[in-house]
């Protein structure tokens, strides 16, 4: 029997009963998954998220200067161009790793998914053989190609690190090729999957003559939560003995964050069926500003100029953020159902062929929030796999956050955190978790929303400084 671990309850916290939603940002539907004849009108919404979230970075001792005080606008618009840190324009290599045969839930990738049968990751290696090696874990639904991963990889490469970019365990390729359960969300199981992948990557790099003088670990958003659980696992197994671990904008309670993100979609007039209309209205404003602009590039600076004086309503911005996570939930639910053959979105036992039209399945999946995934799919499947012990669903949900690790985090001087006081994925009061646990090892910025300030010069400088420490 597993005893419940401690739970952090901020002032005014209340449990959200089963309704809709689960996970965390810079997601948007995987372009390859949606390329399988997506429903009409979905391409432009996806491009908004790809354009607005994150850009480049590095460090040279700057004062914090992020100018956007509205957390929803900050999350959507990101850092104005003049404040973005510079990073080396180094080409990032992609590699493939065969982890499927021994550990994946299935012996082959479902035929309807246009993915390779091996896990992909990114690499930037120094010319000299020996250097600190940092693993970076992407946020909800993102892979190693995500803009935030590339940003941080180049910044750390400029500081002398070998850097490996990893997909989120919630990304469809990871689910299909490396997930031992096929249904991500249990943080301990996901950490074991990541740890196995990292160990195999280490062996391949060593075989290629790329040597690590020490190991470091970081992740942003859900990847930050993953990093905490990976660090706790490594403290027991000691394969890496991480010199530094950094949690960037990690959720305190995964369940409370996904519940909040699902509620954001309550602000879409007419509900989920009108997501296209909401995105198109925002894109129309951006298009008008672009035609008036002398700038030939469609940049974060242009987006900032459009919204700074006349932003969309708070409700509309919240809906845009919620919609971005909804696409991540769609990909997660659909891929996990294919891999596990649970029968959540398609009949159990039905094999979808390579040429099948996925549009009807994706249209249904778009209406599945992350809390739906938790209550109607993830929770019963974890029960069936025997991972829940005698915990009820809410006690089990409480284990998927930082609070159960609070003693470990408090007592480990090599684990750091950075966050924003106005991060939109946190419930009221949750930011209070960090200072008592991390003390001087946490940097809390006054604004920035969820990762909106990630490319700001002083933020990148701080990230590089922490991960370069001894």
Protein backbone atom coordinates (compact mmCIF):
# COMPACT_ATOMS: atom_id res chain seq x y z
CA UNK A 1 0.00 0.00 0.00
CA UNK A 2 1.32 3.45 -0.94
CA UNK A 3 0.81 6.10 1.72
CA UNK A 4 -0.20 9.54 0.42
CA UNK A 5 2.67 12.05 0.36
CA UNK A 6 2.35 15.67 1.53
CA UNK A 7 0.23 18.03 -0.54
CA UNK A 8 0.65 21.79 -0.89
CA UNK A 9 -2.67 23.58 -0.48
CA UNK A 10 -2.57 27.32 -1.27
CA UNK A 11 -5.10 29.70 0.28
CA UNK A 12 -8.52 29.24 -1.30
CA UNK A 13 -7.56 25.96 -2.98
CA UNK A 14 -10.41 23.66 -3.88
CA UNK A 15 -10.42 20.30 -5.65
CA UNK A 16 -11.87 20.42 -9.14
CA UNK A 17 -14.20 17.46 -9.66
CA UNK A 18 -14.09 15.42 -12.90
CA UNK A 19 -14.89 17.72 -15.82
CA UNK A 20 -12.17 18.52 -18.37
CA UNK A 21 -8.26 18.82 -18.96
CA UNK A 22 -4.20 17.99 -18.04
CA UNK A 23 -0.52 19.27 -18.59
CA UNK A 24 1.61 22.43 -19.65
CA UNK A 25 2.72 24.97 -22.37
CA UNK A 26 4.33 25.63 -25.68
CA UNK A 27 2.35 22.77 -27.15
CA UNK A 28 0.12 23.06 -30.20
CA UNK A 29 -0.71 20.07 -32.33
CA UNK A 30 2.16 18.20 -33.90
CA UNK A 31 2.41 19.36 -37.55
CA UNK A 32 3.09 15.82 -38.81
CA UNK A 33 0.13 14.38 -36.94
CA UNK A 34 -2.19 17.05 -38.26
CA UNK A 35 -0.78 16.75 -41.77
CA UNK A 36 -2.85 13.57 -42.05
CA UNK A 37 -5.72 15.49 -43.64
CA UNK A 38 -6.61 17.77 -40.73
CA UNK A 39 -10.06 19.33 -40.40
CA UNK A 40 -10.63 22.50 -42.42
CA UNK A 41 -9.31 25.72 -40.88
CA UNK A 42 -6.89 24.27 -38.33
CA UNK A 43 -3.61 25.35 -39.99
CA UNK A 44 -3.89 29.07 -39.25
CA UNK A 45 -4.68 28.55 -35.55
CA UNK A 46 -1.61 26.40 -35.23
CA UNK A 47 0.56 29.03 -36.86
CA UNK A 48 -0.51 31.68 -34.34
CA UNK A 49 0.89 29.64 -31.50
CA UNK A 50 4.06 28.85 -33.44
CA UNK A 51 4.59 32.54 -34.20
CA UNK A 52 3.84 34.00 -30.81
CA UNK A 53 5.47 31.91 -28.18
CA UNK A 54 9.32 31.87 -28.07
CA UNK A 55 12.51 33.06 -29.85
CA UNK A 56 16.27 33.32 -29.13
CA UNK A 57 18.71 34.10 -26.26
CA UNK A 58 22.11 34.41 -24.34
CA UNK A 59 23.69 36.35 -21.46
CA UNK A 60 25.85 39.40 -20.71
CA UNK A 61 24.77 40.90 -17.34
CA UNK A 62 21.55 42.81 -17.98
CA UNK A 63 18.96 44.15 -15.59
CA UNK A 64 15.54 42.53 -15.82
CA UNK A 65 13.47 44.63 -18.22
CA UNK A 66 10.47 42.60 -19.34
CA UNK A 67 7.79 45.27 -20.01
CA UNK A 68 4.45 43.39 -20.15
CA UNK A 69 2.51 43.40 -16.88
CA UNK A 70 -0.57 41.61 -18.22
CA UNK A 71 0.25 37.91 -17.64
CA UNK A 72 -2.03 36.66 -20.44
CA UNK A 73 -0.56 39.07 -22.97
CA UNK A 74 2.96 38.21 -21.78
CA UNK A 75 2.29 34.51 -22.31
CA UNK A 76 0.99 35.08 -25.84
CA UNK A 77 3.29 37.84 -27.11
CA UNK A 78 6.59 36.82 -25.54
CA UNK A 79 9.60 39.12 -25.26
CA UNK A 80 9.84 42.25 -27.47
CA UNK A 81 12.60 41.90 -30.03
CA UNK A 82 14.84 44.60 -28.55
CA UNK A 83 15.07 42.67 -25.28
CA UNK A 84 15.72 39.21 -26.69
CA UNK A 85 19.11 37.80 -25.80
CA UNK A 86 21.51 36.91 -28.56
CA UNK A 87 22.58 33.29 -29.00
CA UNK A 88 25.06 31.62 -31.33
CA UNK A 89 23.57 30.78 -34.73
CA UNK A 90 24.72 27.21 -34.40
CA UNK A 91 23.02 24.48 -36.40
CA UNK A 92 21.35 21.95 -34.10
CA UNK A 93 21.77 18.32 -35.12
CA UNK A 94 18.98 15.77 -34.90
CA UNK A 95 19.55 12.18 -33.90
CA UNK A 96 17.41 9.06 -33.59
CA UNK A 97 17.45 6.54 -30.79
CA UNK A 98 16.07 3.00 -30.89
CA UNK A 99 14.37 2.50 -27.51
CA UNK A 100 11.22 0.76 -28.71
CA UNK A 101 12.05 -2.91 -28.65
CA UNK A 102 12.56 -3.40 -24.93
CA UNK A 103 10.57 -0.67 -23.26
CA UNK A 104 7.82 0.84 -25.42
CA UNK A 105 4.20 -0.18 -24.80
CA UNK A 106 3.87 -1.44 -28.38
CA UNK A 107 6.36 -3.26 -30.58
CA UNK A 108 5.70 -0.89 -33.50
CA UNK A 109 4.42 2.64 -34.09
CA UNK A 110 0.74 2.59 -35.15
CA UNK A 111 0.62 2.67 -38.95
CA UNK A 112 -1.60 5.76 -39.11
CA UNK A 113 1.03 7.93 -37.36
CA UNK A 114 3.54 9.54 -39.74
CA UNK A 115 6.41 9.15 -37.24
CA UNK A 116 9.75 7.38 -37.47
CA UNK A 117 10.01 4.22 -35.41
CA UNK A 118 12.79 5.69 -33.28
CA UNK A 119 12.84 8.53 -30.76
CA UNK A 120 14.33 11.79 -32.03
CA UNK A 121 16.42 14.20 -29.98
CA UNK A 122 18.59 17.27 -30.59
CA UNK A 123 22.32 17.72 -30.02
CA UNK A 124 24.79 20.56 -29.84
CA UNK A 125 28.29 19.29 -29.05
CA UNK A 126 31.41 21.33 -28.38
CA UNK A 127 34.46 20.83 -30.60
CA UNK A 128 36.49 19.72 -27.60
CA UNK A 129 35.54 16.23 -26.45
CA UNK A 130 35.00 16.95 -22.75
CA UNK A 131 32.50 19.55 -21.51
CA UNK A 132 29.51 19.78 -19.14
CA UNK A 133 26.53 17.98 -20.68
CA UNK A 134 23.08 19.45 -20.07
CA UNK A 135 19.79 17.66 -20.79
CA UNK A 136 16.80 19.93 -21.57
CA UNK A 137 13.25 18.59 -21.31
CA UNK A 138 10.52 20.29 -23.37
CA UNK A 139 7.12 21.39 -22.06
CA UNK A 140 3.69 19.84 -22.59
CA UNK A 141 3.22 18.29 -26.00
CA UNK A 142 6.49 19.75 -27.33
CA UNK A 143 9.41 17.94 -28.87
CA UNK A 144 13.13 18.60 -29.20
CA UNK A 145 12.52 21.03 -32.07
CA UNK A 146 10.52 23.45 -29.89
CA UNK A 147 11.64 27.07 -30.04
CA UNK A 148 12.26 27.20 -26.29
CA UNK A 149 14.48 24.12 -26.45
CA UNK A 150 16.50 25.60 -29.34
CA UNK A 151 16.81 28.93 -27.51
CA UNK A 152 18.22 27.37 -24.35
CA UNK A 153 20.39 24.88 -26.22
CA UNK A 154 22.14 27.65 -28.14
CA UNK A 155 22.55 29.78 -25.02
CA UNK A 156 24.14 26.90 -23.09
CA UNK A 157 26.28 25.91 -26.07
CA UNK A 158 27.61 29.47 -26.07
CA UNK A 159 28.59 28.95 -22.42
CA UNK A 160 30.61 25.83 -23.27
CA UNK A 161 28.10 23.00 -22.71
CA UNK A 162 27.31 19.94 -24.73
CA UNK A 163 23.49 20.10 -24.87
CA UNK A 164 20.83 17.45 -25.56
CA UNK A 165 17.23 18.51 -26.27
CA UNK A 166 14.57 15.98 -25.30
CA UNK A 167 10.88 15.78 -26.21
CA UNK A 168 8.23 15.85 -23.52
CA UNK A 169 6.96 12.43 -22.43
CA UNK A 170 3.58 13.79 -23.58
CA UNK A 171 4.75 14.35 -27.17
CA UNK A 172 3.25 11.80 -29.60
CA UNK A 173 6.64 10.53 -30.76
CA UNK A 174 7.75 9.85 -27.19
CA UNK A 175 4.43 8.18 -26.39
CA UNK A 176 4.75 5.92 -29.44
CA UNK A 177 8.44 5.09 -29.19
CA UNK A 178 9.62 5.37 -25.58
CA UNK A 179 6.71 5.35 -23.13
CA UNK A 180 6.58 2.16 -21.08
CA UNK A 181 2.91 2.70 -20.20
CA UNK A 182 1.74 4.37 -23.41
CA UNK A 183 -0.40 6.67 -21.23
CA UNK A 184 1.80 9.48 -19.84
CA UNK A 185 1.03 11.47 -16.71
CA UNK A 186 2.38 9.42 -13.81
CA UNK A 187 5.42 11.52 -12.95
CA UNK A 188 7.46 8.67 -11.50
CA UNK A 189 6.84 6.43 -14.49
CA UNK A 190 7.52 9.28 -16.94
CA UNK A 191 10.76 10.06 -15.07
CA UNK A 192 11.85 6.44 -15.43
CA UNK A 193 11.18 6.60 -19.18
CA UNK A 194 13.16 9.83 -19.53
CA UNK A 195 15.99 8.47 -17.40
CA UNK A 196 16.24 5.36 -19.56
CA UNK A 197 16.39 7.50 -22.71
CA UNK A 198 19.03 9.79 -21.18
CA UNK A 199 21.21 6.83 -20.18
CA UNK A 200 21.04 5.42 -23.71
CA UNK A 201 21.87 8.81 -25.24
CA UNK A 202 24.85 9.08 -22.88
CA UNK A 203 26.18 5.72 -24.07
CA UNK A 204 25.79 6.69 -27.73
CA UNK A 205 27.55 10.02 -27.22
CA UNK A 206 30.42 8.36 -25.38
CA UNK A 207 30.75 5.89 -28.24
CA UNK A 208 31.11 8.90 -30.55
CA UNK A 209 33.82 10.42 -28.37
CA UNK A 210 31.59 13.10 -26.79
CA UNK A 211 32.51 13.11 -23.11
CA UNK A 212 30.72 14.75 -20.19
CA UNK A 213 32.88 16.38 -17.54
CA UNK A 214 29.67 16.68 -15.47
CA UNK A 215 25.92 16.42 -16.00
CA UNK A 216 23.22 19.09 -15.67
CA UNK A 217 19.46 18.95 -16.11
CA UNK A 218 16.73 21.49 -16.86
CA UNK A 219 13.16 21.60 -18.11
CA UNK A 220 10.53 24.24 -18.63
CA UNK A 221 6.83 24.08 -17.74
CA UNK A 222 5.83 20.40 -17.50
CA UNK A 223 9.46 19.64 -18.40
CA UNK A 224 10.45 21.41 -15.18
CA UNK A 225 8.23 19.06 -13.19
CA UNK A 226 9.70 16.12 -15.12
CA UNK A 227 13.20 17.35 -14.25
CA UNK A 228 12.38 17.36 -10.53
CA UNK A 229 11.26 13.72 -10.66
CA UNK A 230 14.25 12.71 -12.80
CA UNK A 231 16.59 14.36 -10.28
CA UNK A 232 14.88 12.49 -7.43
CA UNK A 233 15.30 9.22 -9.33
CA UNK A 234 18.96 9.95 -10.01
CA UNK A 235 19.54 10.67 -6.32
CA UNK A 236 18.71 7.00 -5.77
CA UNK A 237 20.36 5.44 -8.83
CA UNK A 238 23.36 7.78 -9.27
CA UNK A 239 23.88 7.31 -13.01
CA UNK A 240 24.44 11.04 -13.59
CA UNK A 241 24.89 12.73 -10.19
CA UNK A 242 23.62 16.04 -11.62
CA UNK A 243 25.77 19.01 -10.61
CA UNK A 244 22.87 21.39 -11.24
CA UNK A 245 19.16 20.95 -11.93
CA UNK A 246 16.90 23.87 -12.86
CA UNK A 247 13.10 23.86 -12.85
CA UNK A 248 11.77 26.65 -15.13
CA UNK A 249 8.14 27.72 -14.61
CA UNK A 250 7.17 24.28 -13.31
CA UNK A 251 3.63 23.65 -12.03
CA UNK A 252 3.23 23.11 -8.31
CA UNK A 253 0.22 20.83 -8.73
CA UNK A 254 -0.15 19.36 -12.18
CA UNK A 255 -3.82 18.67 -11.62
CA UNK A 256 -4.70 22.19 -10.46
CA UNK A 257 -2.80 23.67 -13.41
CA UNK A 258 -4.53 21.53 -16.03
CA UNK A 259 -7.89 22.26 -14.43
CA UNK A 260 -7.18 25.98 -14.67
CA UNK A 261 -6.07 25.69 -18.30
CA UNK A 262 -9.23 23.80 -19.19
CA UNK A 263 -11.34 26.50 -17.60
CA UNK A 264 -9.71 29.05 -19.89
CA UNK A 265 -11.70 27.57 -22.76
CA UNK A 266 -14.92 28.51 -20.98
CA UNK A 267 -14.14 31.97 -22.37
CA UNK A 268 -14.54 30.96 -26.02
CA UNK A 269 -17.89 32.39 -27.17
CA UNK A 270 -19.92 29.42 -28.33
CA UNK A 271 -17.43 26.90 -26.91
CA UNK A 272 -14.81 24.72 -28.57
CA UNK A 273 -16.66 24.71 -31.91
CA UNK A 274 -15.76 28.40 -32.29
CA UNK A 275 -11.99 28.09 -31.75
CA UNK A 276 -11.35 28.84 -35.42
CA UNK A 277 -13.32 32.08 -35.24
CA UNK A 278 -11.41 33.29 -32.18
CA UNK A 279 -8.03 32.56 -33.75
CA UNK A 280 -9.03 34.15 -37.04
CA UNK A 281 -10.09 37.38 -35.34
CA UNK A 282 -6.68 37.69 -33.69
CA UNK A 283 -4.87 36.77 -36.91
CA UNK A 284 -6.83 39.44 -38.77
CA UNK A 285 -5.56 42.08 -36.35
CA UNK A 286 -2.02 40.82 -36.78
CA UNK A 287 -2.39 40.87 -40.56
CA UNK A 288 -3.60 44.46 -40.58
CA UNK A 289 -0.68 45.56 -38.42
CA UNK A 290 1.76 43.67 -40.64
CA UNK A 291 0.51 45.49 -43.75
CA UNK A 292 1.05 48.84 -41.99
CA UNK A 293 4.49 47.87 -40.68
CA UNK A 294 7.81 48.66 -42.34
CA UNK A 295 9.21 45.47 -40.79
CA UNK A 296 9.46 42.66 -43.33
CA UNK A 297 9.48 39.97 -40.64
CA UNK A 298 6.50 38.70 -38.66
CA UNK A 299 8.19 38.94 -35.24
CA UNK A 300 7.39 39.09 -31.53
CA UNK A 301 8.03 42.86 -31.78
CA UNK A 302 5.14 43.20 -34.24
CA UNK A 303 2.87 41.09 -32.03
CA UNK A 304 3.80 43.19 -29.01
CA UNK A 305 3.05 46.43 -30.87
CA UNK A 306 -0.37 45.14 -31.92
CA UNK A 307 -1.49 44.17 -28.45
CA UNK A 308 0.30 46.58 -26.12
CA UNK A 309 -2.16 49.49 -26.51
CA UNK A 310 -5.33 47.60 -27.40
CA UNK A 311 -5.00 44.02 -26.21
CA UNK A 312 -7.76 41.49 -26.71
CA UNK A 313 -10.03 41.07 -23.74
CA UNK A 314 -8.70 39.09 -20.79
CA UNK A 315 -11.22 36.40 -21.64
CA UNK A 316 -10.05 36.17 -25.26
CA UNK A 317 -6.40 35.91 -24.26
CA UNK A 318 -7.17 33.23 -21.68
CA UNK A 319 -9.10 31.34 -24.36
CA UNK A 320 -6.12 31.50 -26.75
CA UNK A 321 -3.83 30.02 -24.09
CA UNK A 322 -6.38 27.36 -23.23
CA UNK A 323 -6.76 26.52 -26.93
CA UNK A 324 -3.00 26.02 -27.32
CA UNK A 325 -3.06 23.47 -24.52
CA UNK A 326 -6.16 21.87 -25.97
CA UNK A 327 -4.23 20.98 -29.12
CA UNK A 328 -1.57 19.36 -26.92
CA UNK A 329 -4.32 17.43 -25.12
CA UNK A 330 -5.75 16.32 -28.46
CA UNK A 331 -2.44 14.87 -29.65
CA UNK A 332 -1.76 13.24 -26.30
CA UNK A 333 -5.18 11.61 -25.96
CA UNK A 334 -5.28 10.33 -29.53
CA UNK A 335 -1.73 8.92 -29.56
CA UNK A 336 -2.05 7.34 -26.11
CA UNK A 337 -5.30 5.69 -27.17
CA UNK A 338 -3.64 4.26 -30.28
CA UNK A 339 -0.62 2.98 -28.37
CA UNK A 340 -2.53 1.50 -25.42
CA UNK A 341 -5.60 0.39 -27.42
CA UNK A 342 -7.70 1.54 -24.49
CA UNK A 343 -10.77 2.39 -26.57
CA UNK A 344 -11.02 6.04 -25.49
CA UNK A 345 -11.37 7.70 -28.91
CA UNK A 346 -11.54 4.69 -31.21
CA UNK A 347 -13.01 1.21 -30.69
CA UNK A 348 -10.66 -1.16 -28.88
CA UNK A 349 -9.01 -3.58 -31.29
CA UNK A 350 -9.48 -1.34 -34.33
CA UNK A 351 -6.17 -0.84 -36.16
CA UNK A 352 -6.07 2.37 -38.20
CA UNK A 353 -4.16 2.02 -41.47
CA UNK A 354 -1.60 4.35 -42.99
CA UNK A 355 -4.11 5.97 -45.36
CA UNK A 356 -7.05 6.36 -43.00
CA UNK A 357 -8.65 9.78 -42.67
CA UNK A 358 -7.90 10.86 -39.09
CA UNK A 359 -10.11 13.96 -39.20
CA UNK A 360 -13.13 12.41 -37.43
CA UNK A 361 -10.97 11.11 -34.59
CA UNK A 362 -9.08 14.40 -34.19
CA UNK A 363 -12.33 16.37 -34.24
CA UNK A 364 -13.55 14.31 -31.29
CA UNK A 365 -10.16 14.53 -29.56
CA UNK A 366 -10.25 18.33 -29.78
CA UNK A 367 -13.22 18.28 -27.42
CA UNK A 368 -11.28 16.27 -24.84
CA UNK A 369 -9.61 18.42 -22.21
CA UNK A 370 -6.67 17.42 -20.09
CA UNK A 371 -8.88 16.80 -17.06
CA UNK A 372 -11.03 14.57 -19.29
CA UNK A 373 -7.85 12.70 -20.15
CA UNK A 374 -7.07 12.33 -16.45
CA UNK A 375 -10.48 11.18 -15.22
CA UNK A 376 -11.74 9.14 -18.16
CA UNK A 377 -8.56 7.60 -19.56
CA UNK A 378 -5.37 8.08 -17.53
CA UNK A 379 -6.82 7.28 -14.08
CA UNK A 380 -8.65 4.04 -15.01
CA UNK A 381 -5.69 2.84 -17.08
CA UNK A 382 -3.26 3.49 -14.20
CA UNK A 383 -5.60 1.54 -11.93
CA UNK A 384 -5.61 -1.35 -14.40
CA UNK A 385 -1.78 -1.27 -14.57
CA UNK A 386 -1.60 -1.38 -10.78
CA UNK A 387 0.17 1.98 -10.39
CA UNK A 388 -2.27 3.65 -8.00
CA UNK A 389 -2.13 1.36 -4.95
CA UNK A 390 -5.06 2.11 -2.65
CA UNK A 391 -5.10 5.86 -3.41
CA UNK A 392 -8.31 7.40 -4.71
CA UNK A 393 -8.17 9.51 -7.86
CA UNK A 394 -7.64 12.82 -6.05
CA UNK A 395 -4.97 11.48 -3.70
CA UNK A 396 -3.26 10.01 -6.76
CA UNK A 397 -3.56 13.36 -8.60
CA UNK A 398 -1.93 15.05 -5.59
CA UNK A 399 1.18 12.93 -6.14
CA UNK A 400 1.70 14.42 -9.62
CA UNK A 401 3.28 17.67 -8.45
CA UNK A 402 6.21 19.20 -6.58
CA UNK A 403 4.78 18.93 -3.07
CA UNK A 404 5.54 15.20 -2.66
CA UNK A 405 9.20 16.08 -3.44
CA UNK A 406 9.36 19.09 -1.11
CA UNK A 407 11.72 17.50 1.44
CA UNK A 408 14.04 16.28 -1.32
CA UNK A 409 14.03 19.68 -3.05
CA UNK A 410 14.55 21.55 0.21
CA UNK A 411 17.51 19.41 1.17
CA UNK A 412 19.34 19.39 -2.16
CA UNK A 413 21.54 22.49 -2.65
CA UNK A 414 22.14 21.65 -6.32
CA UNK A 415 18.50 22.01 -7.41
CA UNK A 416 17.29 25.47 -8.41
CA UNK A 417 14.05 27.00 -9.64
CA UNK A 418 12.97 30.05 -11.58
CA UNK A 419 9.39 31.28 -11.92
CA UNK A 420 7.14 34.27 -12.55
CA UNK A 421 4.93 35.65 -9.82
CA UNK A 422 2.05 36.05 -12.30
CA UNK A 423 2.40 32.71 -14.10
CA UNK A 424 -1.06 31.91 -15.48
CA UNK A 425 -0.72 28.14 -14.99
CA UNK A 426 -0.54 28.53 -11.20
CA UNK A 427 -3.59 28.79 -8.97
CA UNK A 428 -3.75 31.73 -6.56
CA UNK A 429 -1.23 31.26 -3.76
CA UNK A 430 0.79 28.46 -5.37
CA UNK A 431 3.79 30.71 -6.04
CA UNK A 432 4.21 30.71 -2.23
CA UNK A 433 5.42 27.11 -2.45
CA UNK A 434 8.84 28.01 -3.87
CA UNK A 435 10.52 30.34 -1.37
CA UNK A 436 10.22 28.08 1.72
CA UNK A 437 11.39 25.05 -0.30
CA UNK A 438 14.20 26.55 -2.40
CA UNK A 439 15.19 29.61 -0.33
CA UNK A 440 17.96 31.53 -2.10
CA UNK A 441 17.94 28.94 -4.92
CA UNK A 442 14.77 30.31 -6.48
CA UNK A 443 14.50 33.38 -8.70
CA UNK A 444 10.95 34.73 -8.93
CA UNK A 445 10.39 37.46 -11.51
CA UNK A 446 7.57 39.95 -10.91
CA UNK A 447 5.96 39.42 -14.32
CA UNK A 448 6.22 37.40 -17.52
CA UNK A 449 3.17 35.15 -17.41
CA UNK A 450 3.91 31.57 -18.42
CA UNK A 451 7.32 31.55 -20.14
CA UNK A 452 6.62 34.88 -21.85
CA UNK A 453 9.93 36.26 -20.55
CA UNK A 454 11.99 33.17 -21.30
CA UNK A 455 14.00 34.88 -24.07
CA UNK A 456 14.56 38.12 -22.12
CA UNK A 457 18.29 38.76 -21.77
CA UNK A 458 18.64 38.72 -17.98
CA UNK A 459 16.42 35.62 -17.67
CA UNK A 460 18.62 33.70 -20.09
CA UNK A 461 21.72 35.00 -18.32
CA UNK A 462 20.37 33.66 -15.03
CA UNK A 463 19.51 30.24 -16.53
CA UNK A 464 22.99 29.90 -18.05
CA UNK A 465 24.68 31.04 -14.82
CA UNK A 466 22.76 28.54 -12.68
CA UNK A 467 23.38 25.60 -14.99
CA UNK A 468 27.07 26.49 -15.39
CA UNK A 469 27.71 26.49 -11.63
CA UNK A 470 29.84 23.86 -9.94
